Amino acid sequence: MITILGPTASGKTPLATALACEIGGEIISADSRQVYRRMDIGTGKDLEDYIVNSEEGARPLGRFVPLGQRIVNSIPYHLIDIAEPGTKYNLFQYQQDFFDAYNNIIGRGVTPILCGGTGLYIEAVLKGYQLSPVPQNPELRQRLEGKSLDELTQMLVELKAKNGSNMHNKTDVDSCQRAIRAIEIEEYNLHTPTPKRDLPPIDSLIIGVNIDREARREKITRRLKSRLENGMVEEVRGLLDEGIAPEDLIYYGLEYKFVTEYIMGRLAYDEMFERLEIAIHQFAKRQMTWFRGMERRGFTIHWIDALQPMEEKVKEIRRLMEESNHNL
């Protein structure tokens, strides 16, 4: 398997699709929010990235139609649009869905390309984390109701210390609802033995897309403006109009948190934009911190420059694949 990871706005998906087009691969998404249907703009699905133009004579993949001297390849993707908004998709479910997709792809003799920025999801499937589903605990939730985010965060830190687990990501505590769910999981793991499941680690060539900090910041800001201009507020308003509770959208963090608060009248537009922009920059920084942590935990990540021409990036990955004896 090939894994392509990197922070938000680094260009992971276009690179993954360009590589898939060349080697006949299929993409498995590793994004914790792109699993949700109708949450398209805010999660940055950019499904047009899965349509790749290639020179005539290149290996055709999926559905294609001729356009003059070029071929349009529709790159198959997995684990996008598989859950309903308002639900709480989790790591346990992702592991199950990943292995279903992975086994399906390799069973057809095709190369899977895992692509995304959710470091926990990536590490869990590469290492074969042993997890169990954690049910809701209404009594615990009632006890925690009314506590501040700072109080919940401190409780979570103490529970994780008892369990010997790490704060997976600051998004664990970017809202009271997320913090309560994280506490619920830690409480369950503290008192409930985790049954072993046969999810083996996966050998993968890992490619990291490294983007200069200033270039990343500029791209994040430009992309945020574009998404707002192209209907992100309307997308969130549509979800609310479906009957999805505001707090359920706030649970998803970032765009859905701040845009929902704007729609509910809790934030002015300019304040929403400013706070969201800062939050996305902070999120990208945390993603890089996670990936550097993966290296300390024994993963080898081959970093390539995001600003290189696409052809050069694909060429470099092909070279690394040949060196590591990965089959095409």
Protein backbone atom coordinates (compact mmCIF):
# COMPACT_ATOMS: atom_id res chain seq x y z
CA MET A 1 0.00 0.00 0.00
CA ILE A 2 1.03 3.60 -0.56
CA THR A 3 0.15 6.22 2.07
CA ILE A 4 0.08 9.93 1.24
CA LEU A 5 -0.31 12.21 4.23
CA GLY A 6 0.15 15.88 5.00
CA PRO A 7 -1.48 18.90 6.61
CA THR A 8 -4.57 20.59 5.25
CA ALA A 9 -3.96 22.60 2.05
CA SER A 10 -0.80 20.65 1.15
CA GLY A 11 -2.26 19.15 -2.02
CA LYS A 12 -2.46 15.52 -0.88
CA THR A 13 -5.51 14.54 -2.90
CA PRO A 14 -4.36 15.86 -6.31
CA LEU A 15 -1.06 14.04 -5.77
CA ALA A 16 -2.81 10.81 -4.76
CA THR A 17 -5.11 10.93 -7.77
CA ALA A 18 -2.23 11.70 -10.16
CA LEU A 19 -0.34 8.70 -8.78
CA ALA A 20 -3.45 6.50 -8.92
CA CYS A 21 -3.97 7.45 -12.54
CA GLU A 22 -0.42 6.44 -13.40
CA ILE A 23 -0.23 3.14 -11.53
CA GLY A 24 -3.87 2.03 -11.70
CA GLY A 25 -4.51 2.53 -7.99
CA GLU A 26 -7.59 3.30 -5.94
CA ILE A 27 -7.80 5.79 -3.09
CA ILE A 28 -8.92 5.12 0.47
CA SER A 29 -9.68 8.37 2.26
CA ALA A 30 -8.24 8.96 5.73
CA ASP A 31 -10.29 12.01 6.66
CA SER A 32 -12.51 11.91 9.73
CA ARG A 33 -15.08 14.35 8.32
CA GLN A 34 -15.25 13.46 4.64
CA VAL A 35 -17.14 10.32 5.64
CA TYR A 36 -20.28 12.47 6.04
CA ARG A 37 -22.72 12.95 3.17
CA ARG A 38 -23.74 16.49 2.18
CA MET A 39 -20.82 17.94 4.14
CA ASP A 40 -18.83 18.70 1.01
CA ILE A 41 -17.53 22.26 0.96
CA GLY A 42 -16.65 22.48 4.65
CA THR A 43 -14.75 19.19 4.64
CA GLY A 44 -12.94 20.04 1.41
CA LYS A 45 -13.93 16.90 -0.47
CA ASP A 46 -13.05 18.57 -3.78
CA LEU A 47 -14.38 15.56 -5.67
CA GLU A 48 -13.29 17.16 -8.92
CA ASP A 49 -9.74 16.22 -7.86
CA TYR A 50 -10.67 12.60 -8.59
CA ILE A 51 -11.13 13.43 -12.26
CA VAL A 52 -7.68 13.36 -13.82
CA ASN A 53 -6.69 14.34 -17.35
CA SER A 54 -3.92 12.19 -18.76
CA GLU A 55 -2.15 11.95 -22.09
CA GLU A 56 -3.71 9.55 -24.57
CA GLY A 57 -1.99 6.22 -24.20
CA ALA A 58 -1.62 6.47 -20.43
CA ARG A 59 -3.12 3.57 -18.53
CA PRO A 60 -6.89 4.22 -18.41
CA LEU A 61 -8.53 3.78 -15.05
CA GLY A 62 -12.17 3.48 -14.02
CA ARG A 63 -14.61 5.26 -16.29
CA PHE A 64 -13.10 7.39 -19.02
CA VAL A 65 -14.16 9.31 -22.09
CA PRO A 66 -11.93 10.70 -24.82
CA LEU A 67 -11.53 14.45 -24.98
CA GLY A 68 -9.53 15.22 -28.09
CA GLN A 69 -6.03 13.93 -27.52
CA ARG A 70 -6.56 13.38 -23.79
CA ILE A 71 -8.32 10.86 -21.58
CA VAL A 72 -10.42 11.79 -18.54
CA ASN A 73 -9.89 9.23 -15.79
CA SER A 74 -12.34 8.90 -12.92
CA ILE A 75 -10.29 7.67 -9.97
CA PRO A 76 -12.16 5.23 -7.70
CA TYR A 77 -12.29 6.36 -4.07
CA HIS A 78 -13.49 4.76 -0.84
CA LEU A 79 -14.72 5.93 2.62
CA ILE A 80 -16.16 9.24 1.42
CA ASP A 81 -19.92 9.87 1.84
CA ILE A 82 -20.59 6.77 3.94
CA ALA A 83 -22.27 8.28 7.05
CA GLU A 84 -25.15 10.65 7.73
CA PRO A 85 -24.55 14.14 9.19
CA GLY A 86 -25.44 14.33 12.85
CA THR A 87 -24.05 10.87 13.59
CA LYS A 88 -20.80 10.25 15.45
CA TYR A 89 -18.57 8.21 13.15
CA ASN A 90 -15.54 7.01 15.09
CA LEU A 91 -12.14 5.36 14.85
CA PHE A 92 -13.52 1.88 15.55
CA GLN A 93 -15.92 2.17 12.61
CA TYR A 94 -13.17 3.57 10.42
CA GLN A 95 -10.94 0.57 11.07
CA GLN A 96 -13.73 -1.79 10.06
CA ASP A 97 -14.56 0.19 6.92
CA PHE A 98 -10.91 0.61 6.00
CA PHE A 99 -10.19 -3.11 6.10
CA ASP A 100 -13.31 -3.88 4.07
CA ALA A 101 -12.15 -1.43 1.38
CA TYR A 102 -8.50 -2.52 1.61
CA ASN A 103 -9.31 -6.22 1.24
CA ASN A 104 -11.66 -5.49 -1.65
CA ILE A 105 -8.99 -3.50 -3.50
CA ILE A 106 -6.07 -5.89 -3.02
CA GLY A 107 -8.40 -8.82 -3.77
CA ARG A 108 -8.75 -7.38 -7.28
CA GLY A 109 -4.98 -7.03 -7.66
CA VAL A 110 -5.10 -3.22 -7.41
CA THR A 111 -2.78 -0.96 -5.38
CA PRO A 112 -4.53 0.90 -2.52
CA ILE A 113 -3.45 4.49 -1.85
CA LEU A 114 -4.37 5.70 1.63
CA CYS A 115 -4.67 9.48 1.52
CA GLY A 116 -5.61 12.00 4.19
CA GLY A 117 -4.71 14.24 7.04
CA THR A 118 -6.30 12.49 10.03
CA GLY A 119 -3.14 11.14 11.61
CA LEU A 120 -4.94 9.01 14.17
CA TYR A 121 -6.90 7.17 11.47
CA ILE A 122 -3.74 6.58 9.43
CA GLU A 123 -1.70 5.35 12.37
CA ALA A 124 -4.51 3.14 13.64
CA VAL A 125 -4.78 1.16 10.40
CA LEU A 126 -1.04 1.02 9.71
CA LYS A 127 -0.31 -0.26 13.23
CA GLY A 128 -3.45 -2.37 13.54
CA TYR A 129 -4.76 -0.75 16.73
CA GLN A 130 -6.88 -3.10 18.85
CA LEU A 131 -10.06 -1.16 19.62
CA SER A 132 -13.58 -1.88 20.83
CA PRO A 133 -16.84 0.02 20.29
CA VAL A 134 -17.71 2.31 23.20
CA PRO A 135 -21.44 2.75 23.98
CA GLN A 136 -22.89 6.01 25.25
CA ASN A 137 -23.12 6.41 29.02
CA PRO A 138 -26.22 8.55 29.79
CA GLU A 139 -25.44 8.69 33.53
CA LEU A 140 -21.93 9.98 32.89
CA ARG A 141 -23.22 12.50 30.35
CA GLN A 142 -25.74 13.82 32.86
CA ARG A 143 -22.98 14.21 35.47
CA LEU A 144 -20.80 16.15 33.05
CA GLU A 145 -23.58 18.41 31.76
CA GLY A 146 -22.90 22.04 32.63
CA LYS A 147 -19.16 21.64 33.17
CA SER A 148 -16.93 24.10 31.36
CA LEU A 149 -14.61 23.08 28.52
CA ASP A 150 -11.58 23.74 30.78
CA GLU A 151 -13.01 21.44 33.48
CA LEU A 152 -13.76 18.70 30.94
CA THR A 153 -10.30 19.02 29.41
CA GLN A 154 -8.64 18.59 32.80
CA MET A 155 -10.77 15.50 33.51
CA LEU A 156 -9.78 14.04 30.13
CA VAL A 157 -6.08 14.67 30.73
CA GLU A 158 -6.29 12.89 34.12
CA LEU A 159 -8.19 9.92 32.65
CA LYS A 160 -5.73 9.55 29.80
CA ALA A 161 -2.89 9.57 32.31
CA LYS A 162 -4.56 6.70 34.20
CA ASN A 163 -5.06 4.75 30.98
CA GLY A 164 -1.57 5.49 29.71
CA SER A 165 -3.02 6.98 26.50
CA ASN A 166 -2.10 10.20 24.74
CA MET A 167 -4.20 13.19 23.75
CA HIS A 168 -4.74 12.07 20.17
CA ASN A 169 -5.48 15.53 18.86
CA LYS A 170 -6.60 18.86 20.27
CA THR A 171 -9.83 18.35 18.33
CA ASP A 172 -10.68 15.94 21.19
CA VAL A 173 -11.40 19.07 23.22
CA ASP A 174 -12.45 21.77 20.77
CA SER A 175 -16.03 21.59 22.06
CA CYS A 176 -17.75 20.37 25.23
CA GLN A 177 -19.53 17.65 23.25
CA ARG A 178 -16.29 16.23 21.87
CA ALA A 179 -14.63 16.41 25.29
CA ILE A 180 -17.54 14.54 26.91
CA ARG A 181 -17.34 11.80 24.26
CA ALA A 182 -13.59 11.52 24.79
CA ILE A 183 -14.13 11.22 28.55
CA GLU A 184 -16.82 8.59 27.92
CA ILE A 185 -14.33 6.54 25.89
CA GLU A 186 -11.57 6.85 28.49
CA GLU A 187 -13.95 5.90 31.34
CA TYR A 188 -15.08 2.85 29.37
CA ASN A 189 -11.52 1.78 28.63
CA LEU A 190 -10.55 2.27 32.28
CA HIS A 191 -13.12 -0.24 33.53
CA THR A 192 -13.79 -2.52 30.55
CA PRO A 193 -11.30 -5.03 29.12
CA THR A 194 -10.75 -4.46 25.41
CA PRO A 195 -11.41 -7.62 23.38
CA LYS A 196 -8.68 -8.48 20.92
CA ARG A 197 -9.51 -8.21 17.25
CA ASP A 198 -7.51 -9.55 14.35
CA LEU A 199 -6.49 -6.36 12.57
CA PRO A 200 -2.89 -6.81 11.46
CA PRO A 201 -0.50 -3.93 10.83
CA ILE A 202 -0.07 -2.98 7.19
CA ASP A 203 3.20 -2.49 5.39
CA SER A 204 3.07 0.81 3.54
CA LEU A 205 5.39 3.21 1.79
CA ILE A 206 4.55 6.53 3.49
CA ILE A 207 4.85 9.77 1.56
CA GLY A 208 4.56 13.07 3.43
CA VAL A 209 3.64 16.23 1.54
CA ASN A 210 5.59 19.04 3.14
CA ILE A 211 4.44 22.60 2.48
CA ASP A 212 6.30 25.68 3.64
CA ARG A 213 4.56 27.32 6.61
CA GLU A 214 3.98 30.66 4.88
CA ALA A 215 2.79 28.99 1.67
CA ARG A 216 0.44 26.84 3.74
CA ARG A 217 -0.97 29.84 5.58
CA GLU A 218 -1.54 31.74 2.34
CA LYS A 219 -3.25 28.75 0.74
CA ILE A 220 -5.47 28.14 3.77
CA THR A 221 -6.66 31.75 3.77
CA ARG A 222 -7.27 31.78 0.01
CA ARG A 223 -9.12 28.48 0.16
CA LEU A 224 -11.29 29.58 3.08
CA LYS A 225 -12.36 32.71 1.20
CA SER A 226 -13.17 30.62 -1.86
CA ARG A 227 -15.24 28.11 0.10
CA LEU A 228 -17.26 30.85 1.77
CA GLU A 229 -17.85 32.50 -1.61
CA ASN A 230 -18.91 29.18 -3.10
CA GLY A 231 -21.64 28.23 -0.66
CA MET A 232 -20.17 26.96 2.61
CA VAL A 233 -22.62 29.01 4.71
CA GLU A 234 -25.51 27.78 2.57
CA GLU A 235 -24.29 24.19 2.99
CA VAL A 236 -24.35 24.48 6.78
CA ARG A 237 -27.71 26.26 6.72
CA GLY A 238 -29.09 23.43 4.59
CA LEU A 239 -27.95 20.86 7.14
CA LEU A 240 -29.62 22.83 9.94
CA ASP A 241 -32.78 23.07 7.85
CA GLU A 242 -32.76 19.25 7.57
CA GLY A 243 -33.25 19.19 11.33
CA ILE A 244 -29.67 18.45 12.37
CA ALA A 245 -29.13 20.02 15.78
CA PRO A 246 -26.67 22.95 15.90
CA GLU A 247 -24.63 21.24 18.62
CA ASP A 248 -24.27 18.16 16.42
CA LEU A 249 -22.70 20.30 13.69
CA ILE A 250 -20.55 22.18 16.19
CA TYR A 251 -19.26 18.75 17.28
CA TYR A 252 -17.50 18.37 13.92
CA GLY A 253 -15.35 21.41 14.64
CA LEU A 254 -13.62 23.96 12.40
CA GLU A 255 -15.88 25.11 9.52
CA TYR A 256 -19.02 23.48 10.92
CA LYS A 257 -18.44 24.87 14.39
CA PHE A 258 -17.82 28.50 13.45
CA VAL A 259 -20.25 28.74 10.54
CA THR A 260 -23.01 27.23 12.69
CA GLU A 261 -22.28 29.77 15.41
CA TYR A 262 -22.47 32.54 12.79
CA ILE A 263 -25.82 31.26 11.48
CA MET A 264 -27.15 30.99 15.04
CA GLY A 265 -26.24 34.65 15.62
CA ARG A 266 -23.50 33.92 18.13
CA LEU A 267 -20.76 35.39 15.91
CA ALA A 268 -20.61 38.23 13.42
CA TYR A 269 -19.40 37.30 9.92
CA ASP A 270 -15.98 38.96 10.27
CA GLU A 271 -15.47 37.41 13.70
CA MET A 272 -16.46 34.01 12.34
CA PHE A 273 -13.97 34.33 9.48
CA GLU A 274 -11.12 35.48 11.71
CA ARG A 275 -11.64 32.79 14.34
CA LEU A 276 -12.11 30.06 11.75
CA GLU A 277 -8.98 31.11 9.87
CA ILE A 278 -6.93 30.96 13.08
CA ALA A 279 -8.44 27.58 14.01
CA ILE A 280 -7.55 26.06 10.62
CA HIS A 281 -3.96 27.34 10.89
CA GLN A 282 -3.73 25.81 14.37
CA PHE A 283 -5.23 22.56 13.09
CA ALA A 284 -2.62 22.31 10.31
CA LYS A 285 0.13 22.83 12.88
CA ARG A 286 -1.31 20.05 15.05
CA GLN A 287 -1.44 17.74 12.04
CA MET A 288 2.28 18.27 11.43
CA THR A 289 2.97 17.68 15.12
CA TRP A 290 1.14 14.34 14.84
CA PHE A 291 3.08 13.29 11.74
CA ARG A 292 6.41 14.17 13.39
CA GLY A 293 5.24 12.11 16.35
CA MET A 294 4.64 9.17 14.01
CA GLU A 295 8.29 9.40 12.97
CA ARG A 296 9.35 9.28 16.62
CA ARG A 297 7.10 6.23 17.05
CA GLY A 298 8.99 4.35 14.34
CA PHE A 299 7.29 5.24 11.06
CA THR A 300 9.48 6.22 8.11
CA ILE A 301 7.94 9.12 6.23
CA HIS A 302 9.48 10.21 2.94
CA TRP A 303 8.83 13.95 2.72
CA ILE A 304 8.46 15.65 -0.65
CA ASP A 305 8.04 19.33 -1.41
CA ALA A 306 4.41 20.29 -2.03
CA LEU A 307 5.48 23.12 -4.33
CA GLN A 308 7.30 20.88 -6.80
CA PRO A 309 5.59 20.31 -10.17
CA MET A 310 3.14 17.40 -10.04
CA GLU A 311 5.13 15.42 -12.59
CA GLU A 312 8.23 15.63 -10.38
CA LYS A 313 6.34 14.58 -7.26
CA VAL A 314 4.86 11.53 -8.98
CA LYS A 315 8.27 10.66 -10.42
CA GLU A 316 9.81 10.81 -6.95
CA ILE A 317 7.13 8.52 -5.52
CA ARG A 318 7.67 6.05 -8.38
CA ARG A 319 11.38 6.03 -7.58
CA LEU A 320 10.69 5.38 -3.90
CA MET A 321 8.28 2.58 -4.83
CA GLU A 322 10.93 0.89 -6.94
CA GLU A 323 13.49 1.22 -4.16
CA SER A 324 11.15 -0.30 -1.60
CA ASN A 325 10.04 -3.09 -3.97
CA HIS A 326 6.39 -2.03 -3.88
CA ASN A 327 4.49 -3.61 -6.70
CA LEU A 328 2.76 -1.31 -9.15
